């Protein structure tokens, strides 16, 4: 089993903080209601002059700060809120970061599962690239597609980016699990552009809607699939839940995270939870949390790490790996 190792991480959160108290002036809600149901106290919102690319560049530059950019062979960017339909975010990152042209650059749309899916794809693509590394990231500007008249969803979402540089490592270990359960009713967002073709009539006059979600059904899906996915990843690696040193779950709702932890029988003290400060940033949540974990100094060589996410699609994914890198001289 060839493993993977994290070489660098980076996160970016916009400076503007939207607190629960501020939301009280926008929609019928209150701080106590939001905290009790979601665990969120505040979320970050991008400024008018910020873009998905600018946030992705900020996170990626941090992840690459101490690394050789000429070794990047793959860029996988996960987003559901790109600046353009084309060119892709990954191609614009190649230019913005000054990366070589001889790389594979692609975007994926797996919603909140995107960061883990990007890790799996990059890991596979690196199989025939000896001595190359991959930049993966999740980046979302959900404030673009959030309906701020819908109190069930607008209290959840924020903007941000999380990035990591990975390499395949024969001296480490890794195991993945992923799945899809096609559904366009429980969690969806219509395209935010109108077709101007004279040959295609829009089926209705209404403007496309923002993010919509059936919270109760998504809750059940999230707890069920996340716990089972983690178990499958750990089973493939031949380790148990109690062996894991650090868990990172998608930061969608504190009650969902608590439900997954209970279903797994995991130690809550080993789970990084930062949803109170950022809200749900979709594909960026796991990357931002991973960056916080690594910058906290708590990760040691040989630590066993699990990252798990679920999202629109519906999708879910998990990864188990052993961290086999600690400082630059290990490269």
C-alpha atoms as a PDB file:
ATOM      1  CA  UNK A   1       0.000   0.000   0.000  1.00  0.00           C
ATOM      2  CA  UNK A   2       1.514   3.305  -1.115  1.00  0.00           C
ATOM      3  CA  UNK A   3       0.663   6.092   1.273  1.00  0.00           C
ATOM      4  CA  UNK A   4       0.497   9.839   1.066  1.00  0.00           C
ATOM      5  CA  UNK A   5       2.020  12.628   3.086  1.00  0.00           C
ATOM      6  CA  UNK A   6       1.070  16.273   3.530  1.00  0.00           C
ATOM      7  CA  UNK A   7       3.999  18.574   2.692  1.00  0.00           C
ATOM      8  CA  UNK A   8       2.327  21.932   3.233  1.00  0.00           C
ATOM      9  CA  UNK A   9      -1.047  23.459   4.090  1.00  0.00           C
ATOM     10  CA  UNK A  10      -2.662  26.850   3.688  1.00  0.00           C
ATOM     11  CA  UNK A  11      -5.946  28.515   4.510  1.00  0.00           C
ATOM     12  CA  UNK A  12      -7.612  31.808   3.735  1.00  0.00           C
ATOM     13  CA  UNK A  13     -10.665  33.432   5.310  1.00  0.00           C
ATOM     14  CA  UNK A  14     -11.926  36.879   4.270  1.00  0.00           C
ATOM     15  CA  UNK A  15     -11.462  39.605   6.897  1.00  0.00           C
ATOM     16  CA  UNK A  16     -15.160  40.585   7.126  1.00  0.00           C
ATOM     17  CA  UNK A  17     -16.966  38.677   9.880  1.00  0.00           C
ATOM     18  CA  UNK A  18     -20.737  38.203   9.693  1.00  0.00           C
ATOM     19  CA  UNK A  19     -21.912  37.484  13.232  1.00  0.00           C
ATOM     20  CA  UNK A  20     -25.166  35.930  14.362  1.00  0.00           C
ATOM     21  CA  UNK A  21     -26.158  39.299  15.794  1.00  0.00           C
ATOM     22  CA  UNK A  22     -25.715  40.902  12.362  1.00  0.00           C
ATOM     23  CA  UNK A  23     -27.942  38.249  10.814  1.00  0.00           C
ATOM     24  CA  UNK A  24     -30.687  39.225  13.259  1.00  0.00           C
ATOM     25  CA  UNK A  25     -31.015  42.447  11.262  1.00  0.00           C
ATOM     26  CA  UNK A  26     -31.216  40.597   7.931  1.00  0.00           C
ATOM     27  CA  UNK A  27     -33.566  37.691   8.573  1.00  0.00           C
ATOM     28  CA  UNK A  28     -35.881  36.523  11.361  1.00  0.00           C
ATOM     29  CA  UNK A  29     -33.453  34.653  13.611  1.00  0.00           C
ATOM     30  CA  UNK A  30     -31.362  35.113  16.738  1.00  0.00           C
ATOM     31  CA  UNK A  31     -27.999  34.131  18.123  1.00  0.00           C
ATOM     32  CA  UNK A  32     -29.375  31.521  20.540  1.00  0.00           C
ATOM     33  CA  UNK A  33     -31.391  29.785  17.799  1.00  0.00           C
ATOM     34  CA  UNK A  34     -28.397  29.613  15.438  1.00  0.00           C
ATOM     35  CA  UNK A  35     -25.931  28.392  18.066  1.00  0.00           C
ATOM     36  CA  UNK A  36     -28.311  25.725  19.388  1.00  0.00           C
ATOM     37  CA  UNK A  37     -29.061  24.261  15.951  1.00  0.00           C
ATOM     38  CA  UNK A  38     -25.735  24.665  14.172  1.00  0.00           C
ATOM     39  CA  UNK A  39     -22.938  25.519  16.598  1.00  0.00           C
ATOM     40  CA  UNK A  40     -22.060  28.557  14.457  1.00  0.00           C
ATOM     41  CA  UNK A  41     -21.275  31.958  15.983  1.00  0.00           C
ATOM     42  CA  UNK A  42     -19.881  33.740  12.919  1.00  0.00           C
ATOM     43  CA  UNK A  43     -18.809  33.231   9.336  1.00  0.00           C
ATOM     44  CA  UNK A  44     -16.509  35.113   6.931  1.00  0.00           C
ATOM     45  CA  UNK A  45     -17.842  36.905   3.862  1.00  0.00           C
ATOM     46  CA  UNK A  46     -15.732  37.931   0.867  1.00  0.00           C
ATOM     47  CA  UNK A  47     -15.367  41.605   0.004  1.00  0.00           C
ATOM     48  CA  UNK A  48     -16.619  43.028  -3.281  1.00  0.00           C
ATOM     49  CA  UNK A  49     -13.109  43.095  -4.733  1.00  0.00           C
ATOM     50  CA  UNK A  50     -12.330  39.492  -3.794  1.00  0.00           C
ATOM     51  CA  UNK A  51     -12.758  36.533  -6.135  1.00  0.00           C
ATOM     52  CA  UNK A  52     -12.630  32.776  -5.821  1.00  0.00           C
ATOM     53  CA  UNK A  53      -9.251  32.946  -7.565  1.00  0.00           C
ATOM     54  CA  UNK A  54      -7.843  35.550  -5.170  1.00  0.00           C
ATOM     55  CA  UNK A  55      -8.865  33.436  -2.174  1.00  0.00           C
ATOM     56  CA  UNK A  56      -7.485  30.262  -3.764  1.00  0.00           C
ATOM     57  CA  UNK A  57      -4.183  31.992  -4.522  1.00  0.00           C
ATOM     58  CA  UNK A  58      -3.854  33.199  -0.926  1.00  0.00           C
ATOM     59  CA  UNK A  59      -4.374  29.696   0.499  1.00  0.00           C
ATOM     60  CA  UNK A  60      -2.171  28.036  -2.140  1.00  0.00           C
ATOM     61  CA  UNK A  61       0.741  30.425  -1.596  1.00  0.00           C
ATOM     62  CA  UNK A  62       0.746  29.537   2.101  1.00  0.00           C
ATOM     63  CA  UNK A  63       0.741  25.821   1.302  1.00  0.00           C
ATOM     64  CA  UNK A  64       3.627  26.259  -1.159  1.00  0.00           C
ATOM     65  CA  UNK A  65       5.626  28.726   0.938  1.00  0.00           C
ATOM     66  CA  UNK A  66       8.520  26.389   1.826  1.00  0.00           C
ATOM     67  CA  UNK A  67       8.243  24.037  -1.163  1.00  0.00           C
ATOM     68  CA  UNK A  68       9.691  23.703  -4.658  1.00  0.00           C
ATOM     69  CA  UNK A  69       6.933  24.752  -7.083  1.00  0.00           C
ATOM     70  CA  UNK A  70       8.693  23.073 -10.009  1.00  0.00           C
ATOM     71  CA  UNK A  71       7.782  19.714  -8.453  1.00  0.00           C
ATOM     72  CA  UNK A  72       4.035  20.334  -8.749  1.00  0.00           C
ATOM     73  CA  UNK A  73       2.679  17.921 -11.358  1.00  0.00           C
ATOM     74  CA  UNK A  74      -1.040  18.067 -10.558  1.00  0.00           C
ATOM     75  CA  UNK A  75      -3.482  20.789  -9.526  1.00  0.00           C
ATOM     76  CA  UNK A  76      -6.990  19.748  -8.512  1.00  0.00           C
ATOM     77  CA  UNK A  77      -9.354  22.543  -7.494  1.00  0.00           C
ATOM     78  CA  UNK A  78     -12.714  21.769  -5.912  1.00  0.00           C
ATOM     79  CA  UNK A  79     -15.396  24.453  -6.135  1.00  0.00           C
ATOM     80  CA  UNK A  80     -19.100  24.928  -6.866  1.00  0.00           C
ATOM     81  CA  UNK A  81     -18.750  28.713  -7.133  1.00  0.00           C
ATOM     82  CA  UNK A  82     -16.059  29.342  -9.773  1.00  0.00           C
ATOM     83  CA  UNK A  83     -15.457  32.805 -11.187  1.00  0.00           C
ATOM     84  CA  UNK A  84     -15.809  31.407 -14.721  1.00  0.00           C
ATOM     85  CA  UNK A  85     -17.383  28.422 -16.406  1.00  0.00           C
ATOM     86  CA  UNK A  86     -14.131  28.467 -18.359  1.00  0.00           C
ATOM     87  CA  UNK A  87     -11.203  28.937 -17.867  1.00  0.00           C
ATOM     88  CA  UNK A  88     -11.035  26.630 -14.882  1.00  0.00           C
ATOM     89  CA  UNK A  89      -9.872  27.761 -11.464  1.00  0.00           C
ATOM     90  CA  UNK A  90      -7.018  25.236 -11.632  1.00  0.00           C
ATOM     91  CA  UNK A  91      -5.696  26.698 -14.894  1.00  0.00           C
ATOM     92  CA  UNK A  92      -5.802  30.210 -13.476  1.00  0.00           C
ATOM     93  CA  UNK A  93      -3.918  28.931 -10.425  1.00  0.00           C
ATOM     94  CA  UNK A  94      -1.238  27.515 -12.717  1.00  0.00           C
ATOM     95  CA  UNK A  95      -0.715  30.983 -14.151  1.00  0.00           C
ATOM     96  CA  UNK A  96      -1.111  32.877 -10.902  1.00  0.00           C
ATOM     97  CA  UNK A  97       1.337  30.670  -9.012  1.00  0.00           C
ATOM     98  CA  UNK A  98       3.849  30.515 -11.840  1.00  0.00           C
ATOM     99  CA  UNK A  99       3.666  26.717 -12.106  1.00  0.00           C
ATOM    100  CA  UNK A 100       5.118  24.750 -15.010  1.00  0.00           C
ATOM    101  CA  UNK A 101       2.959  24.118 -18.054  1.00  0.00           C
ATOM    102  CA  UNK A 102       3.617  20.362 -17.962  1.00  0.00           C
ATOM    103  CA  UNK A 103       1.016  19.725 -15.277  1.00  0.00           C
ATOM    104  CA  UNK A 104      -2.451  18.223 -15.090  1.00  0.00           C
ATOM    105  CA  UNK A 105      -4.866  20.966 -14.012  1.00  0.00           C
ATOM    106  CA  UNK A 106      -8.546  20.277 -13.460  1.00  0.00           C
ATOM    107  CA  UNK A 107     -11.564  21.444 -11.478  1.00  0.00           C
ATOM    108  CA  UNK A 108     -14.094  19.161  -9.802  1.00  0.00           C
ATOM    109  CA  UNK A 109     -17.638  19.751  -8.531  1.00  0.00           C
ATOM    110  CA  UNK A 110     -18.330  17.473  -5.562  1.00  0.00           C
ATOM    111  CA  UNK A 111     -19.706  20.215  -3.289  1.00  0.00           C
ATOM    112  CA  UNK A 112     -18.585  19.787   0.317  1.00  0.00           C
ATOM    113  CA  UNK A 113     -16.828  16.479  -0.412  1.00  0.00           C
ATOM    114  CA  UNK A 114     -14.561  18.267  -2.875  1.00  0.00           C
ATOM    115  CA  UNK A 115     -11.373  18.530  -0.815  1.00  0.00           C
ATOM    116  CA  UNK A 116     -11.242  14.815  -0.021  1.00  0.00           C
ATOM    117  CA  UNK A 117     -12.227  13.908  -3.593  1.00  0.00           C
ATOM    118  CA  UNK A 118      -9.437  16.191  -4.854  1.00  0.00           C
ATOM    119  CA  UNK A 119      -6.970  14.365  -2.609  1.00  0.00           C
ATOM    120  CA  UNK A 120      -8.062  10.996  -3.992  1.00  0.00           C
ATOM    121  CA  UNK A 121      -7.840  12.161  -7.622  1.00  0.00           C
ATOM    122  CA  UNK A 122      -4.433  13.787  -7.115  1.00  0.00           C
ATOM    123  CA  UNK A 123      -3.136  10.686  -5.330  1.00  0.00           C
ATOM    124  CA  UNK A 124      -4.187   8.539  -8.302  1.00  0.00           C
ATOM    125  CA  UNK A 125      -2.754  10.918 -10.910  1.00  0.00           C
ATOM    126  CA  UNK A 126       0.608  11.027  -9.120  1.00  0.00           C
ATOM    127  CA  UNK A 127       0.987   7.245  -9.527  1.00  0.00           C
ATOM    128  CA  UNK A 128       2.894   7.656 -12.791  1.00  0.00           C
ATOM    129  CA  UNK A 129       4.692  10.863 -11.789  1.00  0.00           C
ATOM    130  CA  UNK A 130       7.745   9.872  -9.725  1.00  0.00           C
ATOM    131  CA  UNK A 131       9.085  12.693  -7.573  1.00  0.00           C
ATOM    132  CA  UNK A 132       6.166  15.013  -8.394  1.00  0.00           C
ATOM    133  CA  UNK A 133       3.723  16.545  -5.934  1.00  0.00           C
ATOM    134  CA  UNK A 134       0.139  17.798  -6.153  1.00  0.00           C
ATOM    135  CA  UNK A 135      -1.626  20.963  -5.066  1.00  0.00           C
ATOM    136  CA  UNK A 136      -5.197  20.332  -3.949  1.00  0.00           C
ATOM    137  CA  UNK A 137      -7.681  22.859  -2.681  1.00  0.00           C
ATOM    138  CA  UNK A 138     -11.272  23.645  -1.930  1.00  0.00           C
ATOM    139  CA  UNK A 139     -12.414  27.229  -2.433  1.00  0.00           C
ATOM    140  CA  UNK A 140     -15.916  28.670  -2.189  1.00  0.00           C
ATOM    141  CA  UNK A 141     -17.656  32.027  -2.258  1.00  0.00           C
ATOM    142  CA  UNK A 142     -21.020  30.773  -1.020  1.00  0.00           C
ATOM    143  CA  UNK A 143     -22.218  34.311  -0.280  1.00  0.00           C
ATOM    144  CA  UNK A 144     -22.757  34.538  -4.054  1.00  0.00           C
ATOM    145  CA  UNK A 145     -25.422  31.825  -4.027  1.00  0.00           C
ATOM    146  CA  UNK A 146     -26.907  32.109  -0.522  1.00  0.00           C
ATOM    147  CA  UNK A 147     -30.534  33.256  -0.196  1.00  0.00           C
ATOM    148  CA  UNK A 148     -30.441  35.728   2.696  1.00  0.00           C
ATOM    149  CA  UNK A 149     -34.232  35.609   3.034  1.00  0.00           C
ATOM    150  CA  UNK A 150     -34.102  31.902   3.934  1.00  0.00           C
ATOM    151  CA  UNK A 151     -33.145  31.627   7.595  1.00  0.00           C
ATOM    152  CA  UNK A 152     -32.709  27.842   7.387  1.00  0.00           C
ATOM    153  CA  UNK A 153     -29.727  28.189   5.034  1.00  0.00           C
ATOM    154  CA  UNK A 154     -28.337  31.738   5.227  1.00  0.00           C
ATOM    155  CA  UNK A 155     -27.124  31.211   8.811  1.00  0.00           C
ATOM    156  CA  UNK A 156     -24.941  28.296   7.706  1.00  0.00           C
ATOM    157  CA  UNK A 157     -22.672  29.433   4.916  1.00  0.00           C
ATOM    158  CA  UNK A 158     -19.466  31.417   4.619  1.00  0.00           C
ATOM    159  CA  UNK A 159     -16.567  31.983   2.233  1.00  0.00           C
ATOM    160  CA  UNK A 160     -12.991  30.697   2.326  1.00  0.00           C
ATOM    161  CA  UNK A 161     -10.249  28.512   0.873  1.00  0.00           C
ATOM    162  CA  UNK A 162      -8.127  25.625   2.103  1.00  0.00           C
ATOM    163  CA  UNK A 163      -5.149  24.094   0.284  1.00  0.00           C
ATOM    164  CA  UNK A 164      -2.575  21.344   0.732  1.00  0.00           C
ATOM    165  CA  UNK A 165       0.421  19.934  -1.111  1.00  0.00           C
ATOM    166  CA  UNK A 166       0.647  16.144  -1.089  1.00  0.00           C
ATOM    167  CA  UNK A 167       2.960  13.467  -2.420  1.00  0.00           C
ATOM    168  CA  UNK A 168       2.722   9.684  -2.685  1.00  0.00           C
ATOM    169  CA  UNK A 169       4.879   8.044  -0.041  1.00  0.00           C
ATOM    170  CA  UNK A 170       5.793   4.320  -0.111  1.00  0.00           C
ATOM    171  CA  UNK A 171       6.934   4.590   3.505  1.00  0.00           C
ATOM    172  CA  UNK A 172       3.523   5.811   4.662  1.00  0.00           C
ATOM    173  CA  UNK A 173      -0.002   4.415   4.322  1.00  0.00           C
ATOM    174  CA  UNK A 174      -3.325   5.589   2.889  1.00  0.00           C
ATOM    175  CA  UNK A 175      -6.817   4.285   2.213  1.00  0.00           C
ATOM    176  CA  UNK A 176      -9.791   6.002   0.584  1.00  0.00           C
ATOM    177  CA  UNK A 177     -13.533   5.531   0.359  1.00  0.00           C
ATOM    178  CA  UNK A 178     -16.037   7.522  -1.689  1.00  0.00           C
ATOM    179  CA  UNK A 179     -19.557   7.300  -3.022  1.00  0.00           C
ATOM    180  CA  UNK A 180     -22.430   9.083  -4.737  1.00  0.00           C
ATOM    181  CA  UNK A 181     -26.185   8.945  -4.261  1.00  0.00           C
ATOM    182  CA  UNK A 182     -27.677  11.064  -7.019  1.00  0.00           C
ATOM    183  CA  UNK A 183     -30.265  13.485  -5.664  1.00  0.00           C
ATOM    184  CA  UNK A 184     -31.387  16.940  -6.804  1.00  0.00           C
ATOM    185  CA  UNK A 185     -34.014  17.474  -4.115  1.00  0.00           C
ATOM    186  CA  UNK A 186     -32.311  17.397  -0.709  1.00  0.00           C
ATOM    187  CA  UNK A 187     -29.461  19.815  -1.465  1.00  0.00           C
ATOM    188  CA  UNK A 188     -29.204  21.829  -4.657  1.00  0.00           C
ATOM    189  CA  UNK A 189     -28.416  25.182  -6.237  1.00  0.00           C
ATOM    190  CA  UNK A 190     -29.576  26.186  -9.696  1.00  0.00           C
ATOM    191  CA  UNK A 191     -27.137  27.720 -12.158  1.00  0.00           C
ATOM    192  CA  UNK A 192     -26.884  31.459 -11.561  1.00  0.00           C
ATOM    193  CA  UNK A 193     -26.924  32.472 -15.220  1.00  0.00           C
ATOM    194  CA  UNK A 194     -29.686  32.678 -17.825  1.00  0.00           C
ATOM    195  CA  UNK A 195     -29.499  31.138 -21.250  1.00  0.00           C
ATOM    196  CA  UNK A 196     -29.772  33.791 -23.978  1.00  0.00           C
ATOM    197  CA  UNK A 197     -29.997  31.357 -26.876  1.00  0.00           C
ATOM    198  CA  UNK A 198     -32.993  32.043 -29.159  1.00  0.00           C
ATOM    199  CA  UNK A 199     -33.319  28.275 -29.643  1.00  0.00           C
ATOM    200  CA  UNK A 200     -33.740  27.340 -25.971  1.00  0.00           C
ATOM    201  CA  UNK A 201     -36.650  28.552 -23.869  1.00  0.00           C
ATOM    202  CA  UNK A 202     -36.243  28.689 -20.114  1.00  0.00           C
ATOM    203  CA  UNK A 203     -38.948  26.415 -18.627  1.00  0.00           C
ATOM    204  CA  UNK A 204     -40.183  29.123 -16.276  1.00  0.00           C
ATOM    205  CA  UNK A 205     -39.830  32.871 -15.825  1.00  0.00           C
ATOM    206  CA  UNK A 206     -38.554  32.705 -12.241  1.00  0.00           C
ATOM    207  CA  UNK A 207     -34.966  33.619 -11.509  1.00  0.00           C
ATOM    208  CA  UNK A 208     -32.720  30.675 -10.587  1.00  0.00           C
ATOM    209  CA  UNK A 209     -32.804  29.964  -6.867  1.00  0.00           C
ATOM    210  CA  UNK A 210     -29.885  29.980  -4.473  1.00  0.00           C
ATOM    211  CA  UNK A 211     -28.846  27.141  -2.190  1.00  0.00           C
ATOM    212  CA  UNK A 212     -31.757  25.051  -0.966  1.00  0.00           C
ATOM    213  CA  UNK A 213     -31.589  22.206   1.523  1.00  0.00           C
ATOM    214  CA  UNK A 214     -33.769  19.736   3.382  1.00  0.00           C
ATOM    215  CA  UNK A 215     -31.862  19.921   6.648  1.00  0.00           C
ATOM    216  CA  UNK A 216     -33.347  16.880   8.397  1.00  0.00           C
ATOM    217  CA  UNK A 217     -32.770  14.507   5.499  1.00  0.00           C
ATOM    218  CA  UNK A 218     -29.250  15.834   4.886  1.00  0.00           C
ATOM    219  CA  UNK A 219     -28.531  15.333   8.601  1.00  0.00           C
ATOM    220  CA  UNK A 220     -29.509  11.653   8.376  1.00  0.00           C
ATOM    221  CA  UNK A 221     -27.543  11.146   5.165  1.00  0.00           C
ATOM    222  CA  UNK A 222     -24.459  12.849   6.614  1.00  0.00           C
ATOM    223  CA  UNK A 223     -24.275  10.874   9.850  1.00  0.00           C
ATOM    224  CA  UNK A 224     -25.018   7.527   8.210  1.00  0.00           C
ATOM    225  CA  UNK A 225     -22.687   7.774   5.217  1.00  0.00           C
ATOM    226  CA  UNK A 226     -19.813   9.534   6.985  1.00  0.00           C
ATOM    227  CA  UNK A 227     -19.521   6.989   9.771  1.00  0.00           C
ATOM    228  CA  UNK A 228     -19.726   4.035   7.375  1.00  0.00           C
ATOM    229  CA  UNK A 229     -17.240   5.608   4.955  1.00  0.00           C
ATOM    230  CA  UNK A 230     -14.695   6.156   7.721  1.00  0.00           C
ATOM    231  CA  UNK A 231     -15.116   2.550   8.851  1.00  0.00           C
ATOM    232  CA  UNK A 232     -14.469   1.285   5.318  1.00  0.00           C
ATOM    233  CA  UNK A 233     -11.331   3.412   4.924  1.00  0.00           C
ATOM    234  CA  UNK A 234      -9.990   2.215   8.263  1.00  0.00           C
ATOM    235  CA  UNK A 235     -10.850  -1.395   7.451  1.00  0.00           C
ATOM    236  CA  UNK A 236      -8.903  -1.199   4.182  1.00  0.00           C
ATOM    237  CA  UNK A 237      -5.925   0.150   6.121  1.00  0.00           C
ATOM    238  CA  UNK A 238      -6.243  -2.496   8.834  1.00  0.00           C
ATOM    239  CA  UNK A 239      -6.606  -0.017  11.701  1.00  0.00           C
ATOM    240  CA  UNK A 240      -9.367   0.786  14.190  1.00  0.00           C
ATOM    241  CA  UNK A 241     -11.107   4.003  15.198  1.00  0.00           C
ATOM    242  CA  UNK A 242      -9.149   4.082  18.448  1.00  0.00           C
ATOM    243  CA  UNK A 243      -5.858   4.073  16.491  1.00  0.00           C
ATOM    244  CA  UNK A 244      -6.585   7.436  14.844  1.00  0.00           C
ATOM    245  CA  UNK A 245      -4.812  10.463  16.305  1.00  0.00           C
ATOM    246  CA  UNK A 246      -6.716  13.219  14.493  1.00  0.00           C
ATOM    247  CA  UNK A 247     -10.170  13.383  12.893  1.00  0.00           C
ATOM    248  CA  UNK A 248     -11.335  16.166  10.580  1.00  0.00           C
ATOM    249  CA  UNK A 249     -14.992  16.094   9.572  1.00  0.00           C
ATOM    250  CA  UNK A 250     -16.758  18.440   7.187  1.00  0.00           C
ATOM    251  CA  UNK A 251     -17.775  21.493   9.210  1.00  0.00           C
ATOM    252  CA  UNK A 252     -21.427  21.693   8.192  1.00  0.00           C
ATOM    253  CA  UNK A 253     -23.226  21.564  11.521  1.00  0.00           C
ATOM    254  CA  UNK A 254     -21.925  20.880  15.027  1.00  0.00           C
ATOM    255  CA  UNK A 255     -24.760  18.459  15.730  1.00  0.00           C
ATOM    256  CA  UNK A 256     -23.884  16.453  12.612  1.00  0.00           C
ATOM    257  CA  UNK A 257     -20.248  16.208  13.694  1.00  0.00           C
ATOM    258  CA  UNK A 258     -21.311  15.109  17.179  1.00  0.00           C
ATOM    259  CA  UNK A 259     -23.605  12.486  15.624  1.00  0.00           C
ATOM    260  CA  UNK A 260     -20.815  11.061  13.468  1.00  0.00           C
ATOM    261  CA  UNK A 261     -18.441  10.942  16.438  1.00  0.00           C
ATOM    262  CA  UNK A 262     -21.014   9.071  18.539  1.00  0.00           C
ATOM    263  CA  UNK A 263     -21.813   6.611  15.744  1.00  0.00           C
ATOM    264  CA  UNK A 264     -18.107   5.869  15.266  1.00  0.00           C
ATOM    265  CA  UNK A 265     -17.376   5.687  18.980  1.00  0.00           C
ATOM    266  CA  UNK A 266     -14.481   8.095  18.368  1.00  0.00           C
ATOM    267  CA  UNK A 267     -12.745  10.244  20.964  1.00  0.00           C
ATOM    268  CA  UNK A 268     -14.224  13.740  20.612  1.00  0.00           C
ATOM    269  CA  UNK A 269     -10.970  15.223  21.927  1.00  0.00           C
ATOM    270  CA  UNK A 270      -9.239  13.992  18.761  1.00  0.00           C
ATOM    271  CA  UNK A 271     -11.611  15.900  16.451  1.00  0.00           C
ATOM    272  CA  UNK A 272     -10.742  19.376  15.230  1.00  0.00           C
ATOM    273  CA  UNK A 273     -13.913  21.481  15.227  1.00  0.00           C
ATOM    274  CA  UNK A 274     -13.842  25.107  14.043  1.00  0.00           C
ATOM    275  CA  UNK A 275     -17.359  25.577  12.679  1.00  0.00           C
ATOM    276  CA  UNK A 276     -18.156  28.241  15.296  1.00  0.00           C
ATOM    277  CA  UNK A 277     -15.713  30.646  13.628  1.00  0.00           C
ATOM    278  CA  UNK A 278     -16.223  29.941   9.925  1.00  0.00           C
ATOM    279  CA  UNK A 279     -19.574  28.301   9.345  1.00  0.00           C
ATOM    280  CA  UNK A 280     -19.956  25.922   6.421  1.00  0.00           C
ATOM    281  CA  UNK A 281     -17.543  26.834   3.609  1.00  0.00           C
ATOM    282  CA  UNK A 282     -18.398  23.712   1.576  1.00  0.00           C
ATOM    283  CA  UNK A 283     -15.320  22.243  -0.145  1.00  0.00           C
ATOM    284  CA  UNK A 284     -13.040  24.601   1.813  1.00  0.00           C
ATOM    285  CA  UNK A 285     -13.941  23.390   5.310  1.00  0.00           C
ATOM    286  CA  UNK A 286     -11.676  20.337   5.450  1.00  0.00           C
ATOM    287  CA  UNK A 287      -8.736  22.241   3.953  1.00  0.00           C
ATOM    288  CA  UNK A 288      -9.100  25.118   6.408  1.00  0.00           C
ATOM    289  CA  UNK A 289      -9.367  22.676   9.319  1.00  0.00           C
ATOM    290  CA  UNK A 290      -6.348  20.695   8.077  1.00  0.00           C
ATOM    291  CA  UNK A 291      -4.307  23.888   7.933  1.00  0.00           C
ATOM    292  CA  UNK A 292      -5.347  24.776  11.489  1.00  0.00           C
ATOM    293  CA  UNK A 293      -4.411  21.301  12.700  1.00  0.00           C
ATOM    294  CA  UNK A 294      -0.945  21.375  11.131  1.00  0.00           C
ATOM    295  CA  UNK A 295      -0.195  24.936  12.231  1.00  0.00           C
ATOM    296  CA  UNK A 296      -1.236  24.101  15.789  1.00  0.00           C
ATOM    297  CA  UNK A 297       1.886  21.950  16.177  1.00  0.00           C
ATOM    298  CA  UNK A 298      -0.134  18.938  17.312  1.00  0.00           C
ATOM    299  CA  UNK A 299       0.734  16.724  14.331  1.00  0.00           C
ATOM    300  CA  UNK A 300       3.803  14.519  14.759  1.00  0.00           C
ATOM    301  CA  UNK A 301       5.552  12.183  12.339  1.00  0.00           C
ATOM    302  CA  UNK A 302       3.686   8.899  12.315  1.00  0.00           C
ATOM    303  CA  UNK A 303       0.336  10.372  13.359  1.00  0.00           C
ATOM    304  CA  UNK A 304      -2.722   8.691  11.860  1.00  0.00           C
ATOM    305  CA  UNK A 305      -5.219  11.133  10.345  1.00  0.00           C
ATOM    306  CA  UNK A 306      -8.763  10.760   9.000  1.00  0.00           C
ATOM    307  CA  UNK A 307     -10.579  13.369   6.894  1.00  0.00           C
ATOM    308  CA  UNK A 308     -14.231  12.816   5.997  1.00  0.00           C
ATOM    309  CA  UNK A 309     -16.808  14.917   4.167  1.00  0.00           C
ATOM    310  CA  UNK A 310     -20.294  14.745   2.660  1.00  0.00           C
ATOM    311  CA  UNK A 311     -22.075  17.117   0.342  1.00  0.00           C
ATOM    312  CA  UNK A 312     -24.374  17.887  -2.535  1.00  0.00           C
ATOM    313  CA  UNK A 313     -24.680  15.365  -5.282  1.00  0.00           C
ATOM    314  CA  UNK A 314     -25.202  13.657  -2.908  1.00  0.00           C
ATOM    315  CA  UNK A 315     -21.573  12.672  -2.302  1.00  0.00           C
ATOM    316  CA  UNK A 316     -19.362  11.440   0.510  1.00  0.00           C
ATOM    317  CA  UNK A 317     -15.671  10.634   0.857  1.00  0.00           C
ATOM    318  CA  UNK A 318     -13.090   9.759   3.485  1.00  0.00           C
ATOM    319  CA  UNK A 319      -9.340   9.240   3.626  1.00  0.00           C
ATOM    320  CA  UNK A 320      -7.026   7.679   6.167  1.00  0.00           C
ATOM    321  CA  UNK A 321      -3.298   8.383   5.993  1.00  0.00           C
ATOM    322  CA  UNK A 322      -0.166   8.312   8.109  1.00  0.00           C
ATOM    323  CA  UNK A 323       1.735  11.596   8.189  1.00  0.00           C
ATOM    324  CA  UNK A 324       5.381  10.888   7.326  1.00  0.00           C
ATOM    325  CA  UNK A 325       6.770  14.413   7.051  1.00  0.00           C
ATOM    326  CA  UNK A 326       7.520  16.972   9.709  1.00  0.00           C
ATOM    327  CA  UNK A 327       9.978  19.602   8.483  1.00  0.00           C
ATOM    328  CA  UNK A 328      11.654  20.765   5.292  1.00  0.00           C
ATOM    329  CA  UNK A 329      14.810  18.677   5.647  1.00  0.00           C
ATOM    330  CA  UNK A 330      12.650  15.571   5.308  1.00  0.00           C
ATOM    331  CA  UNK A 331      11.994  16.369   1.624  1.00  0.00           C
END
